[in-house]
Protein backbone atom coordinates (compact mmCIF):
# COMPACT_ATOMS: atom_id res chain seq x y z
CA UNK A 1 8.33 10.84 -14.56
CA UNK A 2 5.62 11.84 -17.06
CA UNK A 3 7.47 15.11 -17.78
CA UNK A 4 10.67 13.18 -18.44
CA UNK A 5 8.88 10.74 -20.75
CA UNK A 6 7.29 13.63 -22.65
CA UNK A 7 10.65 15.39 -23.10
CA UNK A 8 12.34 12.19 -24.28
CA UNK A 9 9.54 11.48 -26.73
CA UNK A 10 9.60 14.97 -28.25
CA UNK A 11 13.40 15.12 -28.49
CA UNK A 12 13.51 11.67 -30.07
CA UNK A 13 10.89 12.61 -32.67
CA UNK A 14 12.41 16.03 -33.37
CA UNK A 15 15.79 14.36 -33.90
CA UNK A 16 14.47 12.49 -36.94
CA UNK A 17 15.72 14.07 -40.15
CA UNK A 18 12.34 13.97 -41.89
CA UNK A 19 10.79 15.88 -38.97
CA UNK A 20 13.53 18.51 -39.09
CA UNK A 21 13.12 18.82 -42.87
CA UNK A 22 9.35 19.24 -42.46
CA UNK A 23 9.70 21.97 -39.84
CA UNK A 24 12.46 23.78 -41.72
CA UNK A 25 10.35 23.69 -44.86
CA UNK A 26 7.82 25.82 -43.01
CA UNK A 27 10.58 28.34 -42.44
CA UNK A 28 11.63 30.59 -39.60
CA UNK A 29 8.00 31.62 -39.08
CA UNK A 30 7.43 28.62 -36.81
CA UNK A 31 10.38 29.54 -34.61
CA UNK A 32 9.90 33.29 -34.38
CA UNK A 33 8.02 33.06 -31.08
CA UNK A 34 11.22 31.73 -29.48
CA UNK A 35 13.97 33.17 -31.73
CA UNK A 36 14.53 36.92 -32.16
CA UNK A 37 15.66 36.76 -35.78
CA UNK A 38 18.32 35.40 -38.07
CA UNK A 39 20.91 38.20 -37.79
CA UNK A 40 22.61 40.39 -35.19
CA UNK A 41 20.59 43.48 -36.11
CA UNK A 42 17.33 41.68 -35.29
CA UNK A 43 18.70 40.46 -31.97
CA UNK A 44 19.93 43.92 -30.97
CA UNK A 45 16.55 45.39 -31.89
CA UNK A 46 14.94 42.83 -29.57
CA UNK A 47 17.24 43.92 -26.73
CA UNK A 48 16.30 47.56 -27.20
CA UNK A 49 12.60 46.70 -27.22
CA UNK A 50 12.91 44.77 -23.96
CA UNK A 51 14.90 47.57 -22.36
CA UNK A 52 11.79 49.71 -22.73
CA UNK A 53 10.13 47.38 -20.21
CA UNK A 54 13.11 47.43 -17.86
CA UNK A 55 14.26 43.99 -19.01
CA UNK A 56 17.90 43.26 -19.89
CA UNK A 57 19.10 41.00 -22.69
CA UNK A 58 21.34 37.95 -22.99
CA UNK A 59 22.21 37.41 -26.66
CA UNK A 60 22.95 33.97 -28.06
CA UNK A 61 23.98 33.21 -31.63
CA UNK A 62 22.60 29.75 -32.24
CA UNK A 63 24.92 27.06 -33.52
CA UNK A 64 26.04 23.67 -32.21
CA UNK A 65 28.43 20.83 -33.04
CA UNK A 66 30.79 22.46 -35.51
CA UNK A 67 32.84 19.91 -37.42
CA UNK A 68 36.10 21.68 -38.28
CA UNK A 69 38.49 24.30 -36.88
CA UNK A 70 37.62 26.62 -39.75
CA UNK A 71 33.89 26.58 -39.00
CA UNK A 72 34.63 27.04 -35.29
CA UNK A 73 36.74 30.11 -36.06
CA UNK A 74 34.01 31.43 -38.34
CA UNK A 75 31.46 31.09 -35.57
CA UNK A 76 33.77 32.83 -33.08
CA UNK A 77 34.20 35.68 -35.56
CA UNK A 78 30.42 36.07 -35.70
CA UNK A 79 30.25 36.31 -31.91
CA UNK A 80 33.00 38.94 -31.93
CA UNK A 81 30.99 40.83 -34.56
CA UNK A 82 27.93 40.62 -32.30
CA UNK A 83 29.91 42.14 -29.42
CA UNK A 84 31.10 44.96 -31.69
CA UNK A 85 27.59 45.62 -33.01
CA UNK A 86 26.02 45.63 -29.54
CA UNK A 87 28.66 48.06 -28.27
CA UNK A 88 28.16 50.31 -31.30
CA UNK A 89 24.41 50.32 -30.61
CA UNK A 90 24.99 51.57 -27.08
CA UNK A 91 24.32 48.22 -25.40
CA UNK A 92 26.65 46.77 -22.79
CA UNK A 93 27.09 43.35 -24.41
CA UNK A 94 25.97 40.26 -22.53
CA UNK A 95 26.22 37.08 -24.61
CA UNK A 96 25.97 33.33 -24.14
CA UNK A 97 28.30 30.97 -25.98
CA UNK A 98 28.37 27.20 -26.33
CA UNK A 99 32.00 26.14 -26.30
CA UNK A 100 31.24 23.35 -28.78
CA UNK A 101 30.33 26.07 -31.29
CA UNK A 102 33.78 27.64 -31.09
CA UNK A 103 35.90 24.49 -31.20
CA UNK A 104 35.84 22.77 -27.82
CA UNK A 105 37.45 19.35 -28.21
CA UNK A 106 39.54 20.36 -31.25
CA UNK A 107 43.28 20.72 -30.65
CA UNK A 108 45.01 23.45 -32.65
CA UNK A 109 48.56 24.53 -31.86
CA UNK A 110 48.63 22.32 -28.80
CA UNK A 111 45.62 23.99 -27.16
CA UNK A 112 41.89 23.38 -27.19
CA UNK A 113 40.42 25.63 -29.88
CA UNK A 114 37.33 26.29 -27.77
CA UNK A 115 39.47 27.83 -25.05
CA UNK A 116 41.49 29.84 -27.57
CA UNK A 117 38.36 31.32 -29.11
CA UNK A 118 36.73 31.84 -25.72
CA UNK A 119 39.73 33.94 -24.71
CA UNK A 120 39.19 36.13 -27.77
CA UNK A 121 35.49 36.51 -27.03
CA UNK A 122 35.76 37.16 -23.29
CA UNK A 123 38.65 39.55 -23.91
CA UNK A 124 36.55 41.57 -26.37
CA UNK A 125 33.58 41.58 -23.99
CA UNK A 126 35.83 42.85 -21.20
CA UNK A 127 36.98 45.73 -23.42
CA UNK A 128 33.35 46.82 -23.63
CA UNK A 129 32.56 46.22 -19.95
CA UNK A 130 30.46 43.25 -21.02
CA UNK A 131 29.88 39.67 -19.96
CA UNK A 132 30.03 36.18 -21.48
CA UNK A 133 28.11 33.20 -20.13
CA UNK A 134 29.56 29.82 -21.11
CA UNK A 135 26.50 27.69 -21.72
CA UNK A 136 26.48 24.15 -20.38
CA UNK A 137 25.79 21.35 -22.82
CA UNK A 138 25.25 17.60 -22.48
CA UNK A 139 26.97 15.76 -19.64
CA UNK A 140 30.14 14.54 -21.45
CA UNK A 141 31.22 18.20 -21.83
CA UNK A 142 30.71 19.30 -18.21
CA UNK A 143 34.21 18.61 -16.87
CA UNK A 144 36.00 20.37 -19.71
CA UNK A 145 33.60 23.32 -19.66
CA UNK A 146 34.06 23.85 -15.92
CA UNK A 147 37.84 23.58 -16.24
CA UNK A 148 37.90 26.14 -19.04
CA UNK A 149 35.54 28.39 -17.09
CA UNK A 150 37.98 28.35 -14.17
CA UNK A 151 40.83 29.30 -16.51
CA UNK A 152 38.87 32.20 -17.98
CA UNK A 153 37.78 33.55 -14.59
CA UNK A 154 41.40 33.55 -13.46
CA UNK A 155 42.50 35.38 -16.61
CA UNK A 156 39.66 37.87 -17.12
CA UNK A 157 37.81 38.13 -13.80
CA UNK A 158 34.46 36.90 -12.53
CA UNK A 159 32.82 40.18 -13.60
CA UNK A 160 33.20 39.21 -17.26
CA UNK A 161 32.56 35.46 -17.49
CA UNK A 162 30.10 33.02 -15.95
CA UNK A 163 28.74 29.56 -16.61
CA UNK A 164 25.70 27.35 -16.11
CA UNK A 165 24.75 24.48 -13.82
CA UNK A 166 21.86 22.13 -14.62
CA UNK A 167 19.81 20.99 -11.65
CA UNK A 168 18.79 17.68 -13.21
CA UNK A 169 22.39 16.43 -13.16
CA UNK A 170 23.24 14.55 -9.96
CA UNK A 171 26.72 16.08 -9.96
CA UNK A 172 25.69 19.75 -9.97
CA UNK A 173 25.56 20.26 -6.20
CA UNK A 174 29.19 19.13 -5.89
CA UNK A 175 30.17 21.16 -8.95
CA UNK A 176 28.71 24.31 -7.41
CA UNK A 177 30.58 23.82 -4.15
CA UNK A 178 33.84 23.15 -6.00
CA UNK A 179 33.56 26.54 -7.73
CA UNK A 180 33.01 28.54 -4.54
CA UNK A 181 36.62 29.72 -4.36
CA UNK A 182 35.97 31.72 -7.54
CA UNK A 183 32.88 33.51 -6.15
CA UNK A 184 31.40 32.76 -9.57
CA UNK A 185 28.50 34.13 -11.54
CA UNK A 186 26.32 31.05 -12.12
CA UNK A 187 23.17 30.61 -14.15
CA UNK A 188 21.00 27.86 -12.67
CA UNK A 189 18.75 25.97 -15.10
CA UNK A 190 16.83 22.72 -14.85
CA UNK A 191 18.35 21.19 -18.00
CA UNK A 192 16.87 20.45 -21.41
CA UNK A 193 19.16 17.83 -22.97
CA UNK A 194 18.14 14.19 -23.34
CA UNK A 195 20.30 12.50 -20.68
CA UNK A 196 20.41 8.92 -19.28
CA UNK A 197 18.91 8.29 -15.86
CA UNK A 198 22.37 7.34 -14.61
CA UNK A 199 23.48 10.98 -14.73
CA UNK A 200 20.23 12.97 -14.65
CA UNK A 201 17.23 12.88 -12.34
CA UNK A 202 14.18 11.46 -14.11
CA UNK A 203 11.55 12.91 -11.75
CA UNK A 204 10.46 16.54 -11.93
CA UNK A 205 10.06 16.82 -8.15
CA UNK A 206 13.70 15.85 -7.66
CA UNK A 207 14.86 18.27 -10.36
CA UNK A 208 12.88 21.09 -8.74
CA UNK A 209 14.25 20.29 -5.28
CA UNK A 210 17.78 20.26 -6.68
CA UNK A 211 17.12 23.59 -8.38
CA UNK A 212 16.08 25.26 -5.14
CA UNK A 213 19.05 23.77 -3.31
CA UNK A 214 21.52 25.10 -5.88
CA UNK A 215 20.04 28.60 -5.89
CA UNK A 216 19.81 28.85 -2.11
CA UNK A 217 23.31 27.46 -1.55
CA UNK A 218 24.86 29.90 -4.01
CA UNK A 219 22.99 32.84 -2.52
CA UNK A 220 24.11 31.92 0.98
CA UNK A 221 27.71 31.42 -0.16
CA UNK A 222 27.64 35.00 -1.40
CA UNK A 223 26.67 36.16 2.08
CA UNK A 224 29.52 34.41 3.85
CA UNK A 225 32.51 36.28 2.50
CA UNK A 226 32.11 35.63 -1.21
CA UNK A 227 30.70 37.69 -4.07
CA UNK A 228 28.70 34.92 -5.72
CA UNK A 229 26.02 36.02 -8.19
CA UNK A 230 23.00 33.88 -9.04
CA UNK A 231 21.00 33.89 -12.27
CA UNK A 232 17.69 32.24 -11.42
CA UNK A 233 16.75 30.99 -14.88
CA UNK A 234 13.24 29.56 -14.73
CA UNK A 235 9.62 30.23 -15.65
CA UNK A 236 8.39 28.03 -12.80
CA UNK A 237 6.23 30.40 -10.77
CA UNK A 238 6.34 28.24 -7.64
CA UNK A 239 10.14 28.34 -7.67
CA UNK A 240 10.15 32.08 -8.36
CA UNK A 241 7.80 32.64 -5.40
CA UNK A 242 9.98 30.48 -3.15
CA UNK A 243 13.12 32.35 -4.21
CA UNK A 244 11.46 35.68 -3.44
CA UNK A 245 10.53 34.42 0.03
CA UNK A 246 14.02 33.03 0.60
CA UNK A 247 15.59 36.34 -0.38
CA UNK A 248 13.42 38.23 2.10
CA UNK A 249 13.94 35.72 4.90
CA UNK A 250 17.72 35.67 4.55
CA UNK A 251 18.40 39.29 3.68
CA UNK A 252 19.77 38.59 0.20
CA UNK A 253 20.41 41.85 -1.64
CA UNK A 254 18.58 42.37 -4.92
CA UNK A 255 21.88 43.18 -6.63
CA UNK A 256 23.19 39.69 -5.78
CA UNK A 257 20.90 37.85 -8.18
CA UNK A 258 18.57 38.18 -11.13
CA UNK A 259 15.74 36.30 -12.74
CA UNK A 260 16.34 35.06 -16.27
CA UNK A 261 13.70 33.84 -18.70
CA UNK A 262 13.48 32.89 -22.34
CA UNK A 263 12.63 35.28 -25.11
CA UNK A 264 8.99 34.98 -26.10
CA UNK A 265 7.85 33.10 -23.00
CA UNK A 266 5.92 34.74 -20.14
CA UNK A 267 6.73 38.32 -21.11
CA UNK A 268 3.97 39.34 -18.66
CA UNK A 269 5.80 37.70 -15.77
CA UNK A 270 9.07 39.28 -16.85
CA UNK A 271 7.46 42.74 -16.79
CA UNK A 272 5.84 42.04 -13.43
CA UNK A 273 9.12 41.06 -11.79
CA UNK A 274 10.91 44.07 -13.28
CA UNK A 275 8.17 46.36 -11.95
CA UNK A 276 8.72 44.85 -8.49
CA UNK A 277 12.33 45.99 -8.58
CA UNK A 278 14.00 42.69 -9.46
CA UNK A 279 16.67 42.53 -12.11
CA UNK A 280 15.26 40.55 -15.05
CA UNK A 281 17.10 39.35 -18.14
CA UNK A 282 15.68 37.65 -21.23
CA UNK A 283 17.72 35.00 -23.05
CA UNK A 284 17.53 36.14 -26.69
CA UNK A 285 18.61 33.54 -29.26
CA UNK A 286 19.04 34.39 -32.91
CA UNK A 287 20.57 32.92 -36.04
CA UNK A 288 19.89 30.57 -38.92
CA UNK A 289 20.72 27.40 -36.98
CA UNK A 290 17.58 27.62 -34.85
CA UNK A 291 16.21 24.07 -35.12
CA UNK A 292 18.04 22.36 -32.18
CA UNK A 293 17.12 25.21 -29.84
CA UNK A 294 13.55 25.21 -31.15
CA UNK A 295 13.28 21.46 -30.50
CA UNK A 296 14.34 21.82 -26.87
CA UNK A 297 11.79 24.58 -26.28
CA UNK A 298 9.05 22.38 -27.74
CA UNK A 299 10.16 19.52 -25.49
CA UNK A 300 9.69 21.61 -22.37
CA UNK A 301 5.92 22.14 -22.49
CA UNK A 302 3.02 20.35 -24.23
CA UNK A 303 1.49 23.75 -24.98
CA UNK A 304 4.46 24.52 -27.21
CA UNK A 305 3.68 21.47 -29.36
CA UNK A 306 0.13 22.74 -29.87
CA UNK A 307 1.53 26.13 -30.88
CA UNK A 308 3.68 24.50 -33.57
CA UNK A 309 0.91 22.25 -34.85
CA UNK A 310 -1.40 25.25 -35.25
CA UNK A 311 1.32 27.07 -37.15
CA UNK A 312 1.88 24.13 -39.48
CA UNK A 313 -1.83 23.75 -40.17
CA UNK A 314 -2.08 27.45 -41.03
CA UNK A 315 0.89 27.02 -43.37
């Protein structure tokens, strides 16, 4: 409950325009611990650096809540450019995309623009042997995102597109089971959006229990005739330890899952897991629209607030 109250308080404060203006006035320097840079070249350089430690990359161009079809198309074009640049640099592209950033909810030519642009992006990724993860956003978008995910898997294959489930949503266990026929690639996260208690669990213990249940269920589904793949996206060391024990106890292959963590957070743990033979991938955000992402990272841990305050005082 205290964790939930802390997150709500930080997200509420960070949502105030004067707070955003104050942080932005200090520039990208405050965000650079969590954000790889403001352009594709910086993000690709971060991937190459991590590869030296045996860590893979998941690139994400930051941007949310576009307001017109033109800006949605512009954002999609930037993602396509990222895929091209990654491929040219010798990287098999792996990117995350928020469907709201590419027009989800906007009808153009009788079809949802988010789906139209997602087809372009996943199609390009498939050309390069790459992968696109459709990020999950706040709860009103879940149904449409899952429906569009199903469409894209059917058109392009599960090897090239995945999505995310958030363990703090009460609905996620049923959502996972409903996707089993696709043998999907799912990224499991706890959830960082400010959600009402009617749809999201307010207590950390319940969120953690739900997280374990989702990961274990998806792993076991992959052992019973499916080809499910699990992205265990957490920095919670107790959960990581439990997952490692579960994998050993149930004979889960190491190529059936990976650990995913955020860029700039617990790099030591990422290296340690990679050295132990686990597949590890860092979520690498970049771009000029870094403030919403930055706010959610600050809301996750009190230590992150102290980091920002020290940076502002130095400024």
